[in-house]
Amino acid sequence: MTSKFTHWDEVYKTKDHEKVSWFQARSTISYDWITESIKQDDAIIDVGCGVSILADNLLKKGFDNLSLLELSTTALNACKDRLKSYHGKLNFYNENILDFEPKTTFKLWHDRAVFHFLTDPNDQQTYIKKLEKYLEKDGFFLLATFSPEGPKQCSELDIVQYDVNKITQLLGDQFKLINSTSEAHPHPNGMTQHFNYFLFKKV
């Protein structure tokens, strides 16, 4: 596996999963926007799911067509074990989103803090091409990134900060901005990290 796999697997092997900086005891903005935007049988993919409980929240709400993609085998196995009672309602992908070639499309593509790790413009364009190919027409792209007020690194990796103008220009005319908001996310060390959330519709 690549160094990216190794890096993220080491994070999840060595850290308390509730102490990583992005941990949420309950998915907030993502959950609300998803449940407001699509039907329960629509296909959803959570890119870079980690050990997030977003899937738990959605399954309990009645959503039954979820795909979880994650680089870390350790994190994905933790999700599989935790969600084993929902067999048949979940697909798991242990791979890099830049290499992702599913045999299906999605009504909603969720990404909380993966895209901002793509610092190479070529990688950003590869990601966007995947998004364009596998997100259905009139589907939704829900993205959360560090804001310009947020950190410039996470887990010892550089990130790219985004505001509305920057992400809108990067995505281009195929995506229409539906909603945006900011979130002050509490870090387990007592500090606060500032995220921006964006909801786009593919036109």
C-alpha atoms as a PDB file:
ATOM      1  CA  MET A   1       0.000   0.000   0.000  1.00  0.00           C
ATOM      2  CA  THR A   2       1.070   3.573  -0.497  1.00  0.00           C
ATOM      3  CA  SER A   3       2.484   5.874   2.142  1.00  0.00           C
ATOM      4  CA  LYS A   4      -0.925   7.554   2.429  1.00  0.00           C
ATOM      5  CA  PHE A   5      -2.469   4.266   3.491  1.00  0.00           C
ATOM      6  CA  THR A   6       0.343   3.761   5.983  1.00  0.00           C
ATOM      7  CA  HIS A   7       0.034   7.283   7.384  1.00  0.00           C
ATOM      8  CA  TRP A   8      -3.688   7.121   8.063  1.00  0.00           C
ATOM      9  CA  ASP A   9      -3.622   3.561   9.326  1.00  0.00           C
ATOM     10  CA  GLU A  10      -0.969   4.570  11.822  1.00  0.00           C
ATOM     11  CA  VAL A  11      -3.180   7.444  13.000  1.00  0.00           C
ATOM     12  CA  TYR A  12      -6.068   5.084  13.727  1.00  0.00           C
ATOM     13  CA  LYS A  13      -3.825   2.389  15.220  1.00  0.00           C
ATOM     14  CA  THR A  14      -2.064   4.695  17.657  1.00  0.00           C
ATOM     15  CA  LYS A  15      -4.705   7.250  18.697  1.00  0.00           C
ATOM     16  CA  ASP A  16      -7.873   6.954  20.731  1.00  0.00           C
ATOM     17  CA  HIS A  17     -10.580   7.248  18.080  1.00  0.00           C
ATOM     18  CA  GLU A  18     -12.490   9.723  20.251  1.00  0.00           C
ATOM     19  CA  LYS A  19      -9.387  11.909  20.674  1.00  0.00           C
ATOM     20  CA  VAL A  20      -8.608  12.615  17.028  1.00  0.00           C
ATOM     21  CA  SER A  21      -9.202  16.262  16.201  1.00  0.00           C
ATOM     22  CA  TRP A  22     -12.117  15.648  13.821  1.00  0.00           C
ATOM     23  CA  PHE A  23     -14.150  13.434  16.176  1.00  0.00           C
ATOM     24  CA  GLN A  24     -17.835  14.233  16.650  1.00  0.00           C
ATOM     25  CA  ALA A  25     -20.057  12.486  19.176  1.00  0.00           C
ATOM     26  CA  ARG A  26     -22.931  13.258  16.820  1.00  0.00           C
ATOM     27  CA  SER A  27     -22.782  14.305  13.187  1.00  0.00           C
ATOM     28  CA  THR A  28     -24.298  17.773  13.089  1.00  0.00           C
ATOM     29  CA  ILE A  29     -24.421  19.837   9.893  1.00  0.00           C
ATOM     30  CA  SER A  30     -23.721  16.852   7.634  1.00  0.00           C
ATOM     31  CA  TYR A  31     -26.573  14.826   9.108  1.00  0.00           C
ATOM     32  CA  ASP A  32     -29.033  17.694   8.945  1.00  0.00           C
ATOM     33  CA  TRP A  33     -28.244  18.581   5.327  1.00  0.00           C
ATOM     34  CA  ILE A  34     -28.333  14.963   4.166  1.00  0.00           C
ATOM     35  CA  THR A  35     -31.674  14.202   5.775  1.00  0.00           C
ATOM     36  CA  GLU A  36     -33.123  17.414   4.352  1.00  0.00           C
ATOM     37  CA  SER A  37     -31.813  16.872   0.802  1.00  0.00           C
ATOM     38  CA  ILE A  38     -32.427  13.259  -0.245  1.00  0.00           C
ATOM     39  CA  LYS A  39     -34.685  10.239   0.252  1.00  0.00           C
ATOM     40  CA  GLN A  40     -33.870   7.314   2.513  1.00  0.00           C
ATOM     41  CA  ASP A  41     -33.265   4.896  -0.369  1.00  0.00           C
ATOM     42  CA  ASP A  42     -30.946   7.240  -2.292  1.00  0.00           C
ATOM     43  CA  ALA A  43     -27.327   6.119  -2.643  1.00  0.00           C
ATOM     44  CA  ILE A  44     -24.859   7.949  -0.391  1.00  0.00           C
ATOM     45  CA  ILE A  45     -21.086   7.757  -0.268  1.00  0.00           C
ATOM     46  CA  ASP A  46     -19.052   9.012   2.680  1.00  0.00           C
ATOM     47  CA  VAL A  47     -15.547   9.714   1.383  1.00  0.00           C
ATOM     48  CA  GLY A  48     -12.934   9.369   4.100  1.00  0.00           C
ATOM     49  CA  CYS A  49     -15.403   8.016   6.636  1.00  0.00           C
ATOM     50  CA  GLY A  50     -12.754   7.258   9.251  1.00  0.00           C
ATOM     51  CA  VAL A  51     -14.660   5.968  12.289  1.00  0.00           C
ATOM     52  CA  SER A  52     -17.339   8.627  11.943  1.00  0.00           C
ATOM     53  CA  ILE A  53     -20.781   7.873  13.386  1.00  0.00           C
ATOM     54  CA  LEU A  54     -22.511   9.636  10.491  1.00  0.00           C
ATOM     55  CA  ALA A  55     -23.378   6.232   9.028  1.00  0.00           C
ATOM     56  CA  ASP A  56     -24.832   5.118  12.379  1.00  0.00           C
ATOM     57  CA  ASN A  57     -26.982   8.238  12.544  1.00  0.00           C
ATOM     58  CA  LEU A  58     -28.263   7.791   8.984  1.00  0.00           C
ATOM     59  CA  LEU A  59     -28.964   4.064   9.357  1.00  0.00           C
ATOM     60  CA  LYS A  60     -30.971   4.696  12.509  1.00  0.00           C
ATOM     61  CA  LYS A  61     -32.946   7.313  10.573  1.00  0.00           C
ATOM     62  CA  GLY A  62     -33.842   4.701   7.940  1.00  0.00           C
ATOM     63  CA  PHE A  63     -31.277   5.362   5.194  1.00  0.00           C
ATOM     64  CA  ASP A  64     -30.345   2.007   3.697  1.00  0.00           C
ATOM     65  CA  ASN A  65     -27.960   2.542   0.776  1.00  0.00           C
ATOM     66  CA  LEU A  66     -24.651   3.760   2.184  1.00  0.00           C
ATOM     67  CA  SER A  67     -21.087   3.368   0.929  1.00  0.00           C
ATOM     68  CA  LEU A  68     -18.095   4.093   3.169  1.00  0.00           C
ATOM     69  CA  LEU A  69     -14.675   4.790   1.640  1.00  0.00           C
ATOM     70  CA  GLU A  70     -11.572   5.017   3.784  1.00  0.00           C
ATOM     71  CA  LEU A  71      -7.784   4.726   3.361  1.00  0.00           C
ATOM     72  CA  SER A  72      -7.168   3.240   6.800  1.00  0.00           C
ATOM     73  CA  THR A  73      -7.912  -0.477   7.059  1.00  0.00           C
ATOM     74  CA  THR A  74      -7.996  -0.123  10.836  1.00  0.00           C
ATOM     75  CA  ALA A  75     -10.658   2.587  10.708  1.00  0.00           C
ATOM     76  CA  LEU A  76     -12.760   0.764   8.135  1.00  0.00           C
ATOM     77  CA  ASN A  77     -12.648  -2.483  10.109  1.00  0.00           C
ATOM     78  CA  ALA A  78     -13.800  -0.582  13.188  1.00  0.00           C
ATOM     79  CA  CYS A  79     -16.799   0.664  11.189  1.00  0.00           C
ATOM     80  CA  LYS A  80     -17.537  -2.816   9.859  1.00  0.00           C
ATOM     81  CA  ASP A  81     -17.512  -4.264  13.350  1.00  0.00           C
ATOM     82  CA  ARG A  82     -19.632  -1.482  14.821  1.00  0.00           C
ATOM     83  CA  LEU A  83     -22.207  -1.629  12.013  1.00  0.00           C
ATOM     84  CA  LYS A  84     -22.368  -5.399  11.510  1.00  0.00           C
ATOM     85  CA  SER A  85     -26.059  -5.463  12.449  1.00  0.00           C
ATOM     86  CA  TYR A  86     -26.796  -3.401   9.319  1.00  0.00           C
ATOM     87  CA  HIS A  87     -25.505  -6.027   6.886  1.00  0.00           C
ATOM     88  CA  GLY A  88     -26.865  -5.467   3.378  1.00  0.00           C
ATOM     89  CA  LYS A  89     -27.285  -1.725   3.787  1.00  0.00           C
ATOM     90  CA  LEU A  90     -23.590  -0.831   3.531  1.00  0.00           C
ATOM     91  CA  ASN A  91     -20.751  -1.110   1.032  1.00  0.00           C
ATOM     92  CA  PHE A  92     -17.146  -0.680   2.154  1.00  0.00           C
ATOM     93  CA  TYR A  93     -14.223   0.556   0.047  1.00  0.00           C
ATOM     94  CA  ASN A  94     -10.676   0.445   1.446  1.00  0.00           C
ATOM     95  CA  GLU A  95      -9.009   2.648  -1.150  1.00  0.00           C
ATOM     96  CA  ASN A  96      -7.835   6.077  -2.214  1.00  0.00           C
ATOM     97  CA  ILE A  97     -10.582   8.271  -3.640  1.00  0.00           C
ATOM     98  CA  LEU A  98      -8.203   9.243  -6.453  1.00  0.00           C
ATOM     99  CA  ASP A  99      -8.231   5.610  -7.644  1.00  0.00           C
ATOM    100  CA  PHE A 100     -11.937   5.005  -7.014  1.00  0.00           C
ATOM    101  CA  GLU A 101     -13.856   3.351  -9.865  1.00  0.00           C
ATOM    102  CA  PRO A 102     -17.181   2.034  -8.534  1.00  0.00           C
ATOM    103  CA  LYS A 103     -19.789   0.259 -10.620  1.00  0.00           C
ATOM    104  CA  THR A 104     -22.516   2.558  -9.349  1.00  0.00           C
ATOM    105  CA  THR A 105     -23.363   6.245  -8.985  1.00  0.00           C
ATOM    106  CA  PHE A 106     -24.474   8.242  -5.978  1.00  0.00           C
ATOM    107  CA  LYS A 107     -27.207  10.729  -5.183  1.00  0.00           C
ATOM    108  CA  LEU A 108     -25.127  12.336  -2.430  1.00  0.00           C
ATOM    109  CA  TRP A 109     -21.349  12.523  -2.066  1.00  0.00           C
ATOM    110  CA  HIS A 110     -20.214  13.463   1.438  1.00  0.00           C
ATOM    111  CA  ASP A 111     -16.676  14.583   2.242  1.00  0.00           C
ATOM    112  CA  ARG A 112     -15.847  15.945   5.658  1.00  0.00           C
ATOM    113  CA  ALA A 113     -12.147  16.843   5.568  1.00  0.00           C
ATOM    114  CA  VAL A 114     -10.651  14.740   2.771  1.00  0.00           C
ATOM    115  CA  PHE A 115     -10.577  17.169  -0.132  1.00  0.00           C
ATOM    116  CA  HIS A 116      -8.610  19.789   1.805  1.00  0.00           C
ATOM    117  CA  PHE A 117      -5.688  17.323   2.081  1.00  0.00           C
ATOM    118  CA  LEU A 118      -5.268  17.432  -1.701  1.00  0.00           C
ATOM    119  CA  THR A 119      -2.617  20.118  -2.066  1.00  0.00           C
ATOM    120  CA  ASP A 120      -1.562  19.133  -5.594  1.00  0.00           C
ATOM    121  CA  PRO A 121      -3.762  20.794  -8.261  1.00  0.00           C
ATOM    122  CA  ASN A 122      -3.561  17.620 -10.359  1.00  0.00           C
ATOM    123  CA  ASP A 123      -4.975  15.574  -7.475  1.00  0.00           C
ATOM    124  CA  GLN A 124      -7.712  18.153  -6.982  1.00  0.00           C
ATOM    125  CA  GLN A 125      -8.716  17.827 -10.639  1.00  0.00           C
ATOM    126  CA  THR A 126      -8.635  14.026 -10.461  1.00  0.00           C
ATOM    127  CA  TYR A 127     -10.977  14.170  -7.472  1.00  0.00           C
ATOM    128  CA  ILE A 128     -13.344  16.554  -9.259  1.00  0.00           C
ATOM    129  CA  LYS A 129     -13.419  14.300 -12.329  1.00  0.00           C
ATOM    130  CA  LYS A 130     -14.389  11.362 -10.086  1.00  0.00           C
ATOM    131  CA  LEU A 131     -17.088  13.520  -8.540  1.00  0.00           C
ATOM    132  CA  GLU A 132     -18.424  14.522 -11.945  1.00  0.00           C
ATOM    133  CA  LYS A 133     -18.451  10.919 -13.160  1.00  0.00           C
ATOM    134  CA  TYR A 134     -20.007   9.167 -10.174  1.00  0.00           C
ATOM    135  CA  LEU A 135     -22.390  11.791  -8.799  1.00  0.00           C
ATOM    136  CA  GLU A 136     -25.813  11.623 -10.414  1.00  0.00           C
ATOM    137  CA  LYS A 137     -27.299  14.596 -12.238  1.00  0.00           C
ATOM    138  CA  ASP A 138     -29.193  16.698  -9.692  1.00  0.00           C
ATOM    139  CA  GLY A 139     -27.173  14.910  -7.007  1.00  0.00           C
ATOM    140  CA  PHE A 140     -25.599  16.680  -4.039  1.00  0.00           C
ATOM    141  CA  PHE A 141     -21.969  17.266  -3.060  1.00  0.00           C
ATOM    142  CA  LEU A 142     -21.646  17.989   0.664  1.00  0.00           C
ATOM    143  CA  LEU A 143     -18.136  19.165   1.484  1.00  0.00           C
ATOM    144  CA  ALA A 144     -16.528  20.313   4.726  1.00  0.00           C
ATOM    145  CA  THR A 145     -13.028  21.812   4.775  1.00  0.00           C
ATOM    146  CA  PHE A 146     -10.912  23.933   7.053  1.00  0.00           C
ATOM    147  CA  SER A 147     -11.791  27.585   6.608  1.00  0.00           C
ATOM    148  CA  PRO A 148      -9.235  30.385   6.141  1.00  0.00           C
ATOM    149  CA  GLU A 149      -9.500  30.885   9.908  1.00  0.00           C
ATOM    150  CA  GLY A 150      -8.702  27.222  10.527  1.00  0.00           C
ATOM    151  CA  PRO A 151      -5.368  25.387  10.805  1.00  0.00           C
ATOM    152  CA  LYS A 152      -2.967  24.970   7.905  1.00  0.00           C
ATOM    153  CA  GLN A 153      -2.035  21.428   8.903  1.00  0.00           C
ATOM    154  CA  CYS A 154      -3.806  18.376  10.264  1.00  0.00           C
ATOM    155  CA  SER A 155      -2.227  15.106  11.427  1.00  0.00           C
ATOM    156  CA  GLU A 156       1.166  16.517  10.362  1.00  0.00           C
ATOM    157  CA  LEU A 157      -0.036  17.009   6.770  1.00  0.00           C
ATOM    158  CA  ASP A 158      -0.497  20.271   4.901  1.00  0.00           C
ATOM    159  CA  ILE A 159      -4.039  21.194   3.894  1.00  0.00           C
ATOM    160  CA  VAL A 160      -5.737  23.771   1.650  1.00  0.00           C
ATOM    161  CA  GLN A 161      -8.210  26.169   3.263  1.00  0.00           C
ATOM    162  CA  TYR A 162     -11.412  27.048   1.402  1.00  0.00           C
ATOM    163  CA  ASP A 163     -14.049  29.740   1.443  1.00  0.00           C
ATOM    164  CA  VAL A 164     -17.116  29.994  -0.797  1.00  0.00           C
ATOM    165  CA  ASN A 165     -15.379  31.823  -3.630  1.00  0.00           C
ATOM    166  CA  LYS A 166     -12.371  29.522  -3.760  1.00  0.00           C
ATOM    167  CA  ILE A 167     -14.289  26.247  -3.815  1.00  0.00           C
ATOM    168  CA  THR A 168     -16.966  27.545  -6.205  1.00  0.00           C
ATOM    169  CA  GLN A 169     -14.376  28.644  -8.740  1.00  0.00           C
ATOM    170  CA  LEU A 170     -12.516  25.348  -8.454  1.00  0.00           C
ATOM    171  CA  LEU A 171     -15.606  23.190  -9.018  1.00  0.00           C
ATOM    172  CA  GLY A 172     -16.795  25.203 -12.022  1.00  0.00           C
ATOM    173  CA  ASP A 173     -20.171  25.591 -13.696  1.00  0.00           C
ATOM    174  CA  GLN A 174     -21.292  21.988 -13.283  1.00  0.00           C
ATOM    175  CA  PHE A 175     -21.987  22.560  -9.588  1.00  0.00           C
ATOM    176  CA  LYS A 176     -24.422  25.088  -8.127  1.00  0.00           C
ATOM    177  CA  LEU A 177     -23.961  26.252  -4.533  1.00  0.00           C
ATOM    178  CA  ILE A 178     -27.115  25.538  -2.529  1.00  0.00           C
ATOM    179  CA  ASN A 179     -25.985  26.281   1.014  1.00  0.00           C
ATOM    180  CA  SER A 180     -22.926  27.158   3.067  1.00  0.00           C
ATOM    181  CA  THR A 181     -22.187  27.689   6.725  1.00  0.00           C
ATOM    182  CA  SER A 182     -19.338  27.723   9.217  1.00  0.00           C
ATOM    183  CA  GLU A 183     -18.690  25.545  12.234  1.00  0.00           C
ATOM    184  CA  ALA A 184     -16.418  26.053  15.224  1.00  0.00           C
ATOM    185  CA  HIS A 185     -15.422  22.469  15.960  1.00  0.00           C
ATOM    186  CA  PRO A 186     -14.037  21.760  19.463  1.00  0.00           C
ATOM    187  CA  HIS A 187     -10.651  20.017  19.392  1.00  0.00           C
ATOM    188  CA  PRO A 188     -10.118  17.418  22.163  1.00  0.00           C
ATOM    189  CA  ASN A 189      -7.129  19.477  23.373  1.00  0.00           C
ATOM    190  CA  GLY A 190      -9.454  22.387  24.212  1.00  0.00           C
ATOM    191  CA  MET A 191      -8.786  24.487  21.119  1.00  0.00           C
ATOM    192  CA  THR A 192     -11.277  25.283  18.355  1.00  0.00           C
ATOM    193  CA  GLN A 193     -10.980  24.436  14.673  1.00  0.00           C
ATOM    194  CA  HIS A 194     -12.927  26.406  12.093  1.00  0.00           C
ATOM    195  CA  PHE A 195     -14.637  24.508   9.271  1.00  0.00           C
ATOM    196  CA  ASN A 196     -16.646  25.688   6.301  1.00  0.00           C
ATOM    197  CA  TYR A 197     -19.471  23.506   4.987  1.00  0.00           C
ATOM    198  CA  PHE A 198     -20.704  23.686   1.405  1.00  0.00           C
ATOM    199  CA  LEU A 199     -23.676  22.006  -0.245  1.00  0.00           C
ATOM    200  CA  PHE A 200     -23.578  21.880  -4.048  1.00  0.00           C
ATOM    201  CA  LYS A 201     -26.054  20.459  -6.556  1.00  0.00           C
ATOM    202  CA  LYS A 202     -24.792  18.934  -9.795  1.00  0.00           C
ATOM    203  CA  VAL A 203     -26.544  20.612 -12.717  1.00  0.00           C
END
